[in-house]
Amino acid sequence: MIFLLNLPFGYWRAGLKRYSLLWFLAIHIPVPLAVGLRFLAGLGWRLSSLPYFVGAFFLGQLLGGMVKKVFQKTAE
């Protein structure tokens, strides 16, 4: 779920100027949503699940950005 949550934010982030306010928001808006999902799933703050959480977060951002680049190349 964390991965899927971050795909649209990674897509949005890929088209923004690095270190701008919107770029910062595209990375940080999904954080409280992801934390909420962890609590809804009953995971809490178990240290054993944290690497998966962080990995899914960054992989969603990365893949969302890659999708945007592919779509831009296809449109050209």
PDB file of N, CA and C in Angstrom:
ATOM      1  N   MET A   1       0.821  -1.197   0.000  1.00  0.00           N
ATOM      2  CA  MET A   1       0.000   0.000   0.000  1.00  0.00           C
ATOM      3  C   MET A   1       0.870   1.268   0.000  1.00  0.00           C
ATOM      4  N   ILE A   2       1.979   1.231   0.728  1.00  0.00           N
ATOM      5  CA  ILE A   2       2.872   2.391   0.788  1.00  0.00           C
ATOM      6  C   ILE A   2       3.449   2.665  -0.598  1.00  0.00           C
ATOM      7  N   PHE A   3       3.811   1.592  -1.288  1.00  0.00           N
ATOM      8  CA  PHE A   3       4.339   1.721  -2.648  1.00  0.00           C
ATOM      9  C   PHE A   3       3.316   2.393  -3.559  1.00  0.00           C
ATOM     10  N   LEU A   4       2.085   1.907  -3.536  1.00  0.00           N
ATOM     11  CA  LEU A   4       1.029   2.461  -4.389  1.00  0.00           C
ATOM     12  C   LEU A   4       0.692   3.901  -4.020  1.00  0.00           C
ATOM     13  N   LEU A   5       0.753   4.214  -2.742  1.00  0.00           N
ATOM     14  CA  LEU A   5       0.502   5.574  -2.286  1.00  0.00           C
ATOM     15  C   LEU A   5       1.527   6.553  -2.861  1.00  0.00           C
ATOM     16  N   ASN A   6       2.765   6.124  -2.997  1.00  0.00           N
ATOM     17  CA  ASN A   6       3.834   7.010  -3.428  1.00  0.00           C
ATOM     18  C   ASN A   6       3.987   7.126  -4.942  1.00  0.00           C
ATOM     19  N   LEU A   7       3.381   6.252  -5.706  1.00  0.00           N
ATOM     20  CA  LEU A   7       3.494   6.344  -7.171  1.00  0.00           C
ATOM     21  C   LEU A   7       3.035   7.696  -7.721  1.00  0.00           C
ATOM     22  N   PRO A   8       1.847   8.171  -7.393  1.00  0.00           N
ATOM     23  CA  PRO A   8       1.441   9.467  -7.957  1.00  0.00           C
ATOM     24  C   PRO A   8       2.299  10.628  -7.456  1.00  0.00           C
ATOM     25  N   PHE A   9       2.780  10.534  -6.224  1.00  0.00           N
ATOM     26  CA  PHE A   9       3.631  11.604  -5.702  1.00  0.00           C
ATOM     27  C   PHE A   9       4.994  11.600  -6.389  1.00  0.00           C
ATOM     28  N   GLY A  10       5.514  10.422  -6.706  1.00  0.00           N
ATOM     29  CA  GLY A  10       6.763  10.336  -7.460  1.00  0.00           C
ATOM     30  C   GLY A  10       6.586  10.851  -8.879  1.00  0.00           C
ATOM     31  N   TYR A  11       5.434  10.566  -9.460  1.00  0.00           N
ATOM     32  CA  TYR A  11       5.118  11.070 -10.799  1.00  0.00           C
ATOM     33  C   TYR A  11       5.091  12.596 -10.785  1.00  0.00           C
ATOM     34  N   TRP A  12       4.444  13.164  -9.785  1.00  0.00           N
ATOM     35  CA  TRP A  12       4.347  14.617  -9.642  1.00  0.00           C
ATOM     36  C   TRP A  12       5.733  15.221  -9.402  1.00  0.00           C
ATOM     37  N   ARG A  13       6.521  14.609  -8.539  1.00  0.00           N
ATOM     38  CA  ARG A  13       7.833  15.114  -8.166  1.00  0.00           C
ATOM     39  C   ARG A  13       8.777  15.164  -9.363  1.00  0.00           C
ATOM     40  N   ALA A  14       8.656  14.223 -10.275  1.00  0.00           N
ATOM     41  CA  ALA A  14       9.575  14.131 -11.404  1.00  0.00           C
ATOM     42  C   ALA A  14       9.509  15.351 -12.316  1.00  0.00           C
ATOM     43  N   GLY A  15       8.414  16.060 -12.335  1.00  0.00           N
ATOM     44  CA  GLY A  15       8.282  17.208 -13.215  1.00  0.00           C
ATOM     45  C   GLY A  15       8.585  18.535 -12.541  1.00  0.00           C
ATOM     46  N   LEU A  16       9.085  18.493 -11.315  1.00  0.00           N
ATOM     47  CA  LEU A  16       9.296  19.720 -10.561  1.00  0.00           C
ATOM     48  C   LEU A  16      10.779  20.062 -10.452  1.00  0.00           C
ATOM     49  N   LYS A  17      11.041  21.357 -10.220  1.00  0.00           N
ATOM     50  CA  LYS A  17      12.413  21.797 -10.012  1.00  0.00           C
ATOM     51  C   LYS A  17      12.902  21.245  -8.679  1.00  0.00           C
ATOM     52  N   ARG A  18      14.089  20.647  -8.704  1.00  0.00           N
ATOM     53  CA  ARG A  18      14.652  20.041  -7.507  1.00  0.00           C
ATOM     54  C   ARG A  18      14.824  21.073  -6.389  1.00  0.00           C
ATOM     55  N   TYR A  19      14.462  20.678  -5.197  1.00  0.00           N
ATOM     56  CA  TYR A  19      14.556  21.479  -3.972  1.00  0.00           C
ATOM     57  C   TYR A  19      13.611  22.673  -3.934  1.00  0.00           C
ATOM     58  N   SER A  20      12.618  22.704  -4.808  1.00  0.00           N
ATOM     59  CA  SER A  20      11.600  23.755  -4.729  1.00  0.00           C
ATOM     60  C   SER A  20      10.570  23.353  -3.666  1.00  0.00           C
ATOM     61  N   LEU A  21       9.688  24.266  -3.330  1.00  0.00           N
ATOM     62  CA  LEU A  21       8.663  23.989  -2.330  1.00  0.00           C
ATOM     63  C   LEU A  21       7.763  22.835  -2.774  1.00  0.00           C
ATOM     64  N   LEU A  22       7.333  22.848  -4.031  1.00  0.00           N
ATOM     65  CA  LEU A  22       6.455  21.775  -4.512  1.00  0.00           C
ATOM     66  C   LEU A  22       7.172  20.428  -4.526  1.00  0.00           C
ATOM     67  N   TRP A  23       8.450  20.423  -4.877  1.00  0.00           N
ATOM     68  CA  TRP A  23       9.249  19.197  -4.857  1.00  0.00           C
ATOM     69  C   TRP A  23       9.294  18.643  -3.437  1.00  0.00           C
ATOM     70  N   PHE A  24       9.540  19.527  -2.473  1.00  0.00           N
ATOM     71  CA  PHE A  24       9.573  19.147  -1.068  1.00  0.00           C
ATOM     72  C   PHE A  24       8.226  18.568  -0.631  1.00  0.00           C
ATOM     73  N   LEU A  25       7.144  19.206  -1.047  1.00  0.00           N
ATOM     74  CA  LEU A  25       5.807  18.724  -0.689  1.00  0.00           C
ATOM     75  C   LEU A  25       5.495  17.373  -1.320  1.00  0.00           C
ATOM     76  N   ALA A  26       5.939  17.170  -2.567  1.00  0.00           N
ATOM     77  CA  ALA A  26       5.683  15.895  -3.246  1.00  0.00           C
ATOM     78  C   ALA A  26       6.343  14.729  -2.510  1.00  0.00           C
ATOM     79  N   ILE A  27       7.430  15.002  -1.829  1.00  0.00           N
ATOM     80  CA  ILE A  27       8.106  13.959  -1.070  1.00  0.00           C
ATOM     81  C   ILE A  27       7.500  13.797   0.320  1.00  0.00           C
ATOM     82  N   HIS A  28       7.113  14.900   0.949  1.00  0.00           N
ATOM     83  CA  HIS A  28       6.722  14.850   2.351  1.00  0.00           C
ATOM     84  C   HIS A  28       5.222  14.737   2.629  1.00  0.00           C
ATOM     85  N   ILE A  29       4.370  15.065   1.686  1.00  0.00           N
ATOM     86  CA  ILE A  29       2.925  14.904   1.912  1.00  0.00           C
ATOM     87  C   ILE A  29       2.548  13.441   2.165  1.00  0.00           C
ATOM     88  N   PRO A  30       3.124  12.477   1.440  1.00  0.00           N
ATOM     89  CA  PRO A  30       2.705  11.099   1.706  1.00  0.00           C
ATOM     90  C   PRO A  30       3.203  10.512   3.031  1.00  0.00           C
ATOM     91  N   VAL A  31       4.123  11.196   3.719  1.00  0.00           N
ATOM     92  CA  VAL A  31       4.660  10.641   4.969  1.00  0.00           C
ATOM     93  C   VAL A  31       3.566  10.441   6.018  1.00  0.00           C
ATOM     94  N   PRO A  32       2.763  11.457   6.362  1.00  0.00           N
ATOM     95  CA  PRO A  32       1.719  11.198   7.369  1.00  0.00           C
ATOM     96  C   PRO A  32       0.670  10.192   6.882  1.00  0.00           C
ATOM     97  N   LEU A  33       0.431  10.164   5.581  1.00  0.00           N
ATOM     98  CA  LEU A  33      -0.513   9.173   5.046  1.00  0.00           C
ATOM     99  C   LEU A  33       0.042   7.763   5.222  1.00  0.00           C
ATOM    100  N   ALA A  34       1.333   7.606   4.968  1.00  0.00           N
ATOM    101  CA  ALA A  34       1.971   6.303   5.116  1.00  0.00           C
ATOM    102  C   ALA A  34       2.003   5.870   6.582  1.00  0.00           C
ATOM    103  N   VAL A  35       2.267   6.801   7.478  1.00  0.00           N
ATOM    104  CA  VAL A  35       2.260   6.481   8.906  1.00  0.00           C
ATOM    105  C   VAL A  35       0.858   6.039   9.325  1.00  0.00           C
ATOM    106  N   GLY A  36      -0.154   6.734   8.828  1.00  0.00           N
ATOM    107  CA  GLY A  36      -1.525   6.339   9.117  1.00  0.00           C
ATOM    108  C   GLY A  36      -1.839   4.939   8.613  1.00  0.00           C
ATOM    109  N   LEU A  37      -1.351   4.607   7.438  1.00  0.00           N
ATOM    110  CA  LEU A  37      -1.556   3.255   6.904  1.00  0.00           C
ATOM    111  C   LEU A  37      -0.885   2.200   7.776  1.00  0.00           C
ATOM    112  N   ARG A  38       0.300   2.528   8.295  1.00  0.00           N
ATOM    113  CA  ARG A  38       0.992   1.590   9.192  1.00  0.00           C
ATOM    114  C   ARG A  38       0.132   1.301  10.426  1.00  0.00           C
ATOM    115  N   PHE A  39      -0.447   2.339  10.994  1.00  0.00           N
ATOM    116  CA  PHE A  39      -1.264   2.136  12.186  1.00  0.00           C
ATOM    117  C   PHE A  39      -2.566   1.407  11.863  1.00  0.00           C
ATOM    118  N   LEU A  40      -3.163   1.716  10.707  1.00  0.00           N
ATOM    119  CA  LEU A  40      -4.384   1.010  10.303  1.00  0.00           C
ATOM    120  C   LEU A  40      -4.114  -0.477  10.070  1.00  0.00           C
ATOM    121  N   ALA A  41      -2.918  -0.782   9.574  1.00  0.00           N
ATOM    122  CA  ALA A  41      -2.552  -2.176   9.328  1.00  0.00           C
ATOM    123  C   ALA A  41      -2.128  -2.884  10.614  1.00  0.00           C
ATOM    124  N   GLY A  42      -2.003  -2.131  11.703  1.00  0.00           N
ATOM    125  CA  GLY A  42      -1.621  -2.737  12.966  1.00  0.00           C
ATOM    126  C   GLY A  42      -0.131  -2.969  13.116  1.00  0.00           C
ATOM    127  N   LEU A  43       0.675  -2.329  12.275  1.00  0.00           N
ATOM    128  CA  LEU A  43       2.117  -2.523  12.349  1.00  0.00           C
ATOM    129  C   LEU A  43       2.778  -1.668  13.419  1.00  0.00           C
ATOM    130  N   GLY A  44       2.193  -0.525  13.723  1.00  0.00           N
ATOM    131  CA  GLY A  44       2.787   0.358  14.717  1.00  0.00           C
ATOM    132  C   GLY A  44       4.190   0.762  14.304  1.00  0.00           C
ATOM    133  N   TRP A  45       5.119   0.669  15.233  1.00  0.00           N
ATOM    134  CA  TRP A  45       6.510   1.052  14.947  1.00  0.00           C
ATOM    135  C   TRP A  45       7.457  -0.112  15.124  1.00  0.00           C
ATOM    136  N   ARG A  46       7.024  -1.297  14.726  1.00  0.00           N
ATOM    137  CA  ARG A  46       7.908  -2.460  14.818  1.00  0.00           C
ATOM    138  C   ARG A  46       9.152  -2.231  13.974  1.00  0.00           C
ATOM    139  N   LEU A  47      10.296  -2.384  14.578  1.00  0.00           N
ATOM    140  CA  LEU A  47      11.566  -2.166  13.888  1.00  0.00           C
ATOM    141  C   LEU A  47      11.751  -3.147  12.735  1.00  0.00           C
ATOM    142  N   SER A  48      11.209  -4.344  12.849  1.00  0.00           N
ATOM    143  CA  SER A  48      11.372  -5.355  11.805  1.00  0.00           C
ATOM    144  C   SER A  48      10.680  -4.976  10.499  1.00  0.00           C
ATOM    145  N   SER A  49       9.638  -4.165  10.566  1.00  0.00           N
ATOM    146  CA  SER A  49       8.910  -3.786   9.354  1.00  0.00           C
ATOM    147  C   SER A  49       9.411  -2.463   8.769  1.00  0.00           C
ATOM    148  N   LEU A  50      10.221  -1.739   9.500  1.00  0.00           N
ATOM    149  CA  LEU A  50      10.674  -0.423   9.055  1.00  0.00           C
ATOM    150  C   LEU A  50      11.455  -0.451   7.738  1.00  0.00           C
ATOM    151  N   PRO A  51      12.395  -1.395   7.513  1.00  0.00           N
ATOM    152  CA  PRO A  51      13.094  -1.409   6.219  1.00  0.00           C
ATOM    153  C   PRO A  51      12.155  -1.606   5.027  1.00  0.00           C
ATOM    154  N   TYR A  52      11.123  -2.414   5.198  1.00  0.00           N
ATOM    155  CA  TYR A  52      10.155  -2.618   4.120  1.00  0.00           C
ATOM    156  C   TYR A  52       9.356  -1.345   3.865  1.00  0.00           C
ATOM    157  N   PHE A  53       8.986  -0.675   4.923  1.00  0.00           N
ATOM    158  CA  PHE A  53       8.244   0.582   4.841  1.00  0.00           C
ATOM    159  C   PHE A  53       9.059   1.633   4.087  1.00  0.00           C
ATOM    160  N   VAL A  54      10.294   1.834   4.492  1.00  0.00           N
ATOM    161  CA  VAL A  54      11.162   2.836   3.860  1.00  0.00           C
ATOM    162  C   VAL A  54      11.454   2.450   2.411  1.00  0.00           C
ATOM    163  N   GLY A  55      11.717   1.173   2.172  1.00  0.00           N
ATOM    164  CA  GLY A  55      11.985   0.715   0.806  1.00  0.00           C
ATOM    165  C   GLY A  55      10.800   0.918  -0.121  1.00  0.00           C
ATOM    166  N   ALA A  56       9.615   0.597   0.358  1.00  0.00           N
ATOM    167  CA  ALA A  56       8.402   0.778  -0.449  1.00  0.00           C
ATOM    168  C   ALA A  56       8.149   2.256  -0.719  1.00  0.00           C
ATOM    169  N   PHE A  57       8.440   3.091   0.267  1.00  0.00           N
ATOM    170  CA  PHE A  57       8.257   4.535   0.116  1.00  0.00           C
ATOM    171  C   PHE A  57       9.147   5.068  -1.011  1.00  0.00           C
ATOM    172  N   PHE A  58      10.443   4.763  -0.945  1.00  0.00           N
ATOM    173  CA  PHE A  58      11.372   5.270  -1.951  1.00  0.00           C
ATOM    174  C   PHE A  58      11.177   4.612  -3.308  1.00  0.00           C
ATOM    175  N   LEU A  59      10.843   3.336  -3.324  1.00  0.00           N
ATOM    176  CA  LEU A  59      10.607   2.658  -4.595  1.00  0.00           C
ATOM    177  C   LEU A  59       9.384   3.230  -5.302  1.00  0.00           C
ATOM    178  N   GLY A  60       8.343   3.573  -4.554  1.00  0.00           N
ATOM    179  CA  GLY A  60       7.162   4.203  -5.142  1.00  0.00           C
ATOM    180  C   GLY A  60       7.494   5.565  -5.733  1.00  0.00           C
ATOM    181  N   GLN A  61       8.290   6.354  -5.017  1.00  0.00           N
ATOM    182  CA  GLN A  61       8.715   7.654  -5.527  1.00  0.00           C
ATOM    183  C   GLN A  61       9.555   7.475  -6.799  1.00  0.00           C
ATOM    184  N   LEU A  62      10.496   6.548  -6.762  1.00  0.00           N
ATOM    185  CA  LEU A  62      11.384   6.319  -7.902  1.00  0.00           C
ATOM    186  C   LEU A  62      10.615   5.829  -9.128  1.00  0.00           C
ATOM    187  N   LEU A  63       9.779   4.837  -8.946  1.00  0.00           N
ATOM    188  CA  LEU A  63       9.036   4.281 -10.079  1.00  0.00           C
ATOM    189  C   LEU A  63       8.025   5.281 -10.637  1.00  0.00           C
ATOM    190  N   GLY A  64       7.403   6.081  -9.766  1.00  0.00           N
ATOM    191  CA  GLY A  64       6.500   7.127 -10.247  1.00  0.00           C
ATOM    192  C   GLY A  64       7.226   8.119 -11.136  1.00  0.00           C
ATOM    193  N   GLY A  65       8.454   8.502 -10.752  1.00  0.00           N
ATOM    194  CA  GLY A  65       9.260   9.400 -11.581  1.00  0.00           C
ATOM    195  C   GLY A  65       9.661   8.757 -12.899  1.00  0.00           C
ATOM    196  N   MET A  66       9.967   7.474 -12.860  1.00  0.00           N
ATOM    197  CA  MET A  66      10.348   6.767 -14.088  1.00  0.00           C
ATOM    198  C   MET A  66       9.167   6.683 -15.049  1.00  0.00           C
ATOM    199  N   VAL A  67       7.982   6.458 -14.527  1.00  0.00           N
ATOM    200  CA  VAL A  67       6.775   6.395 -15.365  1.00  0.00           C
ATOM    201  C   VAL A  67       6.566   7.725 -16.071  1.00  0.00           C
ATOM    202  N   LYS A  68       6.754   8.826 -15.359  1.00  0.00           N
ATOM    203  CA  LYS A  68       6.583  10.141 -15.976  1.00  0.00           C
ATOM    204  C   LYS A  68       7.578  10.345 -17.113  1.00  0.00           C
ATOM    205  N   LYS A  69       8.829   9.938 -16.907  1.00  0.00           N
ATOM    206  CA  LYS A  69       9.847  10.094 -17.949  1.00  0.00           C
ATOM    207  C   LYS A  69       9.505   9.250 -19.174  1.00  0.00           C
ATOM    208  N   VAL A  70       8.988   8.058 -18.967  1.00  0.00           N
ATOM    209  CA  VAL A  70       8.600   7.189 -20.089  1.00  0.00           C
ATOM    210  C   VAL A  70       7.443   7.822 -20.864  1.00  0.00           C
ATOM    211  N   PHE A  71       6.446   8.346 -20.139  1.00  0.00           N
ATOM    212  CA  PHE A  71       5.321   8.978 -20.799  1.00  0.00           C
ATOM    213  C   PHE A  71       5.745  10.217 -21.578  1.00  0.00           C
ATOM    214  N   GLN A  72       6.701  10.972 -21.049  1.00  0.00           N
ATOM    215  CA  GLN A  72       7.179  12.159 -21.748  1.00  0.00           C
ATOM    216  C   GLN A  72       7.919  11.780 -23.021  1.00  0.00           C
ATOM    217  N   LYS A  73       8.714  10.717 -22.980  1.00  0.00           N
ATOM    218  CA  LYS A  73       9.438  10.267 -24.175  1.00  0.00           C
ATOM    219  C   LYS A  73       8.462   9.733 -25.221  1.00  0.00           C
ATOM    220  N   THR A  74       7.417   9.066 -24.776  1.00  0.00           N
ATOM    221  CA  THR A  74       6.415   8.526 -25.693  1.00  0.00           C
ATOM    222  C   THR A  74       5.641   9.645 -26.366  1.00  0.00           C
ATOM    223  N   ALA A  75       5.391  10.728 -25.639  1.00  0.00           N
ATOM    224  CA  ALA A  75       4.612  11.845 -26.195  1.00  0.00           C
ATOM    225  C   ALA A  75       5.402  12.644 -27.214  1.00  0.00           C
ATOM    226  N   GLU A  76       6.714  12.546 -27.173  1.00  0.00           N
ATOM    227  CA  GLU A  76       7.533  13.338 -28.113  1.00  0.00           C
ATOM    228  C   GLU A  76       7.532  12.781 -29.502  1.00  0.00           C
TER     229      GLU A  76
END
